[in-house]
Amino acid sequence: MGAVLAVLGTGTAQAAGYRYWSFWEGSGSGWAYATQGPSLVRPDDGSVQGFRFAVSADSQDAAKPRRSPDFAKICADTPAAGGTKRVALVIDPGTAADAPDGETPPAPRTACAQVPEDASSADALASVAKPLRYGSDALLCAISGYPASGCGEQVSGNGESSRKATADASAPTSAGVATGGDGSDGSGPSAGVLVGVAAVLLLGIAAVAQARRRRG
């Protein structure tokens, strides 16, 4: 148990945050951090999906898109068409404080993607926000070419990049980060998988603690 706690504690202490694109699902009540990757989500007609680039430690700390999830406004000029669905997208490249060195984030924007009925959120994004850039580990690295370099890197307390998020178990694996497969669909680990692993670890720790109390 001590080894598990040491590993978890070290990851928390050393990781100030990770610079990455997070994935959100919108509703009338605002934005909710997605629980699945954009390649796995098959949004309905009328859905709103958001992508936000920022430095954050985990899903609780992640910055939300700075535009409201207003489908009626975003898709006002895109009429419904048979065999397709409309997905409103909010793409927020974040602030200068979160930008990689030497880069300036473009302004947040919205787009209405009209895609086939079986399209995923990743498909919808690809239809309106090219060029997209992916890492060799199937991470979504850039939307509309931003940022020009880097992919999920760990950022220290002074804002400097250190190592890639995927090399560290404490890295946020937002459902919005993992995409890939053929370059437009995701195959990375979902947030649900990692939450399950964490739950198993916590249950094990609790069982050991209870056993010790009984022996005492």
Protein backbone atom coordinates (compact mmCIF):
# COMPACT_ATOMS: atom_id res chain seq x y z
CA MET A 1 0.00 0.00 0.00
CA GLY A 2 2.87 2.33 0.84
CA ALA A 3 4.28 1.95 -2.66
CA VAL A 4 0.90 2.78 -4.22
CA LEU A 5 0.50 5.87 -2.07
CA ALA A 6 4.05 6.97 -2.85
CA VAL A 7 3.46 6.71 -6.58
CA LEU A 8 0.17 8.57 -6.41
CA GLY A 9 1.60 11.21 -4.14
CA THR A 10 4.65 11.78 -6.31
CA GLY A 11 2.53 12.21 -9.45
CA THR A 12 0.35 14.81 -7.73
CA ALA A 13 3.28 16.74 -6.26
CA GLN A 14 5.37 16.88 -9.42
CA ALA A 15 2.67 17.56 -12.00
CA ALA A 16 1.58 21.20 -12.07
CA GLY A 17 -0.59 20.54 -15.10
CA TYR A 18 -0.78 19.39 -18.72
CA ARG A 19 -1.33 21.43 -21.86
CA TYR A 20 -4.02 19.72 -23.91
CA TRP A 21 -7.34 19.91 -25.74
CA SER A 22 -10.19 18.81 -23.47
CA PHE A 23 -13.56 17.64 -24.76
CA TRP A 24 -16.94 18.85 -23.44
CA GLU A 25 -20.63 18.19 -24.01
CA GLY A 26 -23.05 21.07 -23.86
CA SER A 27 -26.62 21.35 -22.62
CA GLY A 28 -29.04 23.97 -21.39
CA SER A 29 -27.29 23.96 -18.02
CA GLY A 30 -23.82 24.58 -19.45
CA TRP A 31 -20.76 22.41 -20.11
CA ALA A 32 -20.01 18.94 -18.75
CA TYR A 33 -16.61 17.24 -19.06
CA ALA A 34 -17.06 14.36 -21.52
CA THR A 35 -16.82 10.82 -20.17
CA GLN A 36 -15.97 9.29 -23.56
CA GLY A 37 -13.64 10.26 -26.36
CA PRO A 38 -14.98 12.18 -29.36
CA SER A 39 -14.51 9.14 -31.60
CA LEU A 40 -16.86 7.12 -29.36
CA VAL A 41 -19.59 9.74 -28.96
CA ARG A 42 -22.30 9.68 -31.62
CA PRO A 43 -24.10 12.97 -30.97
CA ASP A 44 -27.72 13.46 -31.94
CA ASP A 45 -28.94 16.20 -34.23
CA GLY A 46 -29.09 19.33 -32.08
CA SER A 47 -26.10 18.43 -29.89
CA VAL A 48 -23.38 20.86 -28.87
CA GLN A 49 -19.77 19.71 -28.40
CA GLY A 50 -16.90 21.80 -27.07
CA PHE A 51 -13.10 21.67 -27.28
CA ARG A 52 -10.90 23.81 -25.00
CA PHE A 53 -7.12 24.15 -25.05
CA ALA A 54 -5.62 24.92 -21.64
CA VAL A 55 -3.22 23.84 -18.93
CA SER A 56 -4.97 21.78 -16.27
CA ALA A 57 -4.17 18.99 -13.84
CA ASP A 58 -7.32 16.86 -14.26
CA SER A 59 -10.99 16.94 -15.20
CA GLN A 60 -11.93 18.80 -12.00
CA ASP A 61 -9.43 21.53 -12.84
CA ALA A 62 -10.07 21.72 -16.59
CA ALA A 63 -11.11 25.04 -18.10
CA LYS A 64 -14.45 25.07 -19.90
CA PRO A 65 -15.09 26.55 -23.34
CA ARG A 66 -15.77 30.28 -23.08
CA ARG A 67 -18.78 30.28 -25.37
CA SER A 68 -22.25 29.12 -24.38
CA PRO A 69 -23.55 25.83 -25.83
CA ASP A 70 -26.30 27.51 -27.87
CA PHE A 71 -27.27 25.18 -30.70
CA ALA A 72 -30.01 27.45 -32.06
CA LYS A 73 -27.58 30.34 -32.48
CA ILE A 74 -24.62 28.34 -33.81
CA CYS A 75 -26.64 26.38 -36.38
CA ALA A 76 -29.16 29.11 -37.23
CA ASP A 77 -27.96 29.31 -40.83
CA THR A 78 -27.70 25.55 -41.39
CA PRO A 79 -31.08 24.00 -42.27
CA ALA A 80 -31.80 20.37 -41.52
CA ALA A 81 -31.29 17.93 -44.40
CA GLY A 82 -32.33 14.33 -44.85
CA GLY A 83 -29.72 11.70 -44.03
CA THR A 84 -27.63 14.15 -42.03
CA LYS A 85 -27.47 15.68 -38.57
CA ARG A 86 -26.25 19.04 -37.31
CA VAL A 87 -23.74 19.25 -34.49
CA ALA A 88 -22.82 22.64 -33.06
CA LEU A 89 -19.14 22.97 -32.15
CA VAL A 90 -17.42 25.44 -29.86
CA ILE A 91 -13.66 25.54 -30.42
CA ASP A 92 -11.77 27.53 -27.79
CA PRO A 93 -7.96 27.68 -28.22
CA GLY A 94 -7.59 29.20 -24.76
CA THR A 95 -5.57 32.13 -23.48
CA ALA A 96 -2.05 33.42 -24.05
CA ALA A 97 -1.12 32.22 -20.55
CA ASP A 98 -1.75 28.61 -21.62
CA ALA A 99 -0.17 28.89 -25.07
CA PRO A 100 3.13 27.16 -25.88
CA ASP A 101 6.16 29.45 -26.05
CA GLY A 102 6.17 31.62 -29.15
CA GLU A 103 2.54 30.90 -30.10
CA THR A 104 -0.56 33.08 -29.95
CA PRO A 105 -3.92 31.34 -29.63
CA PRO A 106 -6.52 32.21 -32.26
CA ALA A 107 -9.87 33.57 -31.13
CA PRO A 108 -12.56 31.15 -29.97
CA ARG A 109 -15.04 30.26 -32.68
CA THR A 110 -18.14 28.24 -33.33
CA ALA A 111 -19.16 26.09 -36.28
CA CYS A 112 -22.13 24.02 -37.32
CA ALA A 113 -21.07 20.64 -38.69
CA GLN A 114 -23.56 18.90 -40.96
CA VAL A 115 -22.48 15.29 -41.07
CA PRO A 116 -23.93 11.81 -41.76
CA GLU A 117 -26.31 10.48 -39.13
CA ASP A 118 -23.81 7.92 -37.84
CA ALA A 119 -20.90 10.39 -37.56
CA SER A 120 -18.93 10.74 -34.35
CA SER A 121 -17.95 13.96 -32.62
CA ALA A 122 -14.45 13.48 -34.04
CA ASP A 123 -15.93 13.29 -37.55
CA ALA A 124 -17.89 16.48 -36.93
CA LEU A 125 -14.76 18.28 -35.75
CA ALA A 126 -12.75 17.09 -38.75
CA SER A 127 -15.41 18.41 -41.12
CA VAL A 128 -15.06 22.03 -39.93
CA ALA A 129 -11.68 22.45 -38.22
CA LYS A 130 -8.90 21.12 -40.44
CA PRO A 131 -6.00 20.78 -40.30
CA LEU A 132 -6.06 18.48 -37.29
CA ARG A 133 -2.82 17.04 -35.95
CA TYR A 134 -2.47 13.75 -34.09
CA GLY A 135 0.37 12.20 -32.11
CA SER A 136 1.81 8.73 -32.65
CA ASP A 137 -0.05 7.67 -29.49
CA ALA A 138 -3.42 8.69 -31.01
CA LEU A 139 -3.75 11.96 -29.09
CA LEU A 140 -5.47 14.97 -30.60
CA CYS A 141 -2.63 17.50 -30.66
CA ALA A 142 -3.94 20.44 -32.70
CA ILE A 143 -7.19 21.82 -34.04
CA SER A 144 -7.04 24.10 -37.10
CA GLY A 145 -3.27 23.90 -36.84
CA TYR A 146 -3.09 25.16 -33.25
CA PRO A 147 -0.76 24.65 -31.54
CA ALA A 148 1.91 24.14 -34.19
CA SER A 149 3.93 21.82 -31.97
CA GLY A 150 3.67 19.87 -28.73
CA CYS A 151 1.11 17.33 -27.63
CA GLY A 152 -0.17 16.86 -24.08
CA GLU A 153 3.11 17.95 -22.51
CA GLN A 154 3.51 18.36 -18.77
CA VAL A 155 3.95 21.96 -17.68
CA SER A 156 5.87 22.92 -14.55
CA GLY A 157 4.81 25.55 -12.07
CA ASN A 158 6.74 28.25 -13.95
CA GLY A 159 4.95 27.48 -17.20
CA GLU A 160 7.77 25.51 -18.81
CA SER A 161 7.07 22.25 -20.61
CA SER A 162 8.79 19.12 -19.34
CA ARG A 163 7.62 15.74 -20.62
CA LYS A 164 4.62 14.42 -22.51
CA ALA A 165 1.50 13.78 -20.50
CA THR A 166 1.15 10.29 -21.90
CA ALA A 167 4.40 9.25 -20.25
CA ASP A 168 3.00 9.84 -16.78
CA ALA A 169 0.18 7.91 -15.10
CA SER A 170 -1.00 11.11 -13.43
CA ALA A 171 -1.64 12.84 -16.76
CA PRO A 172 -5.22 13.91 -17.44
CA THR A 173 -6.64 11.54 -20.04
CA SER A 174 -9.63 13.62 -20.97
CA ALA A 175 -12.03 11.85 -23.22
CA GLY A 176 -11.41 14.81 -25.45
CA VAL A 177 -7.70 14.20 -25.78
CA ALA A 178 -7.80 10.63 -27.02
CA THR A 179 -8.57 10.32 -30.71
CA GLY A 180 -6.79 8.59 -33.54
CA GLY A 181 -6.96 5.20 -35.19
CA ASP A 182 -7.09 6.31 -38.80
CA GLY A 183 -6.22 9.89 -37.94
CA SER A 184 -9.75 11.05 -37.24
CA ASP A 185 -11.15 8.56 -34.75
CA GLY A 186 -10.06 7.80 -31.20
CA SER A 187 -8.54 4.72 -29.67
CA GLY A 188 -6.95 6.14 -26.52
CA PRO A 189 -7.99 5.18 -23.00
CA SER A 190 -11.25 6.71 -21.85
CA ALA A 191 -11.67 8.62 -18.63
CA GLY A 192 -14.00 5.86 -17.41
CA VAL A 193 -11.26 3.24 -17.64
CA LEU A 194 -8.89 5.33 -15.55
CA VAL A 195 -11.59 6.13 -13.03
CA GLY A 196 -12.20 2.39 -12.67
CA VAL A 197 -8.51 1.76 -12.04
CA ALA A 198 -8.43 4.49 -9.42
CA ALA A 199 -11.51 3.02 -7.73
CA VAL A 200 -9.85 -0.41 -7.51
CA LEU A 201 -6.78 1.13 -5.92
CA LEU A 202 -8.85 3.04 -3.38
CA LEU A 203 -10.86 -0.06 -2.49
CA GLY A 204 -7.63 -1.99 -1.93
CA ILE A 205 -6.25 0.71 0.32
CA ALA A 206 -9.48 0.79 2.33
CA ALA A 207 -9.45 -3.00 2.77
CA VAL A 208 -5.89 -2.97 4.08
CA ALA A 209 -6.70 -0.15 6.49
CA GLN A 210 -9.77 -2.02 7.78
CA ALA A 211 -7.76 -5.21 8.29
CA ARG A 212 -5.19 -3.32 10.31
CA ARG A 213 -7.88 -1.80 12.51
CA ARG A 214 -9.30 -5.25 13.21
CA ARG A 215 -5.88 -6.61 14.17
CA GLY A 216 -5.35 -3.62 16.42
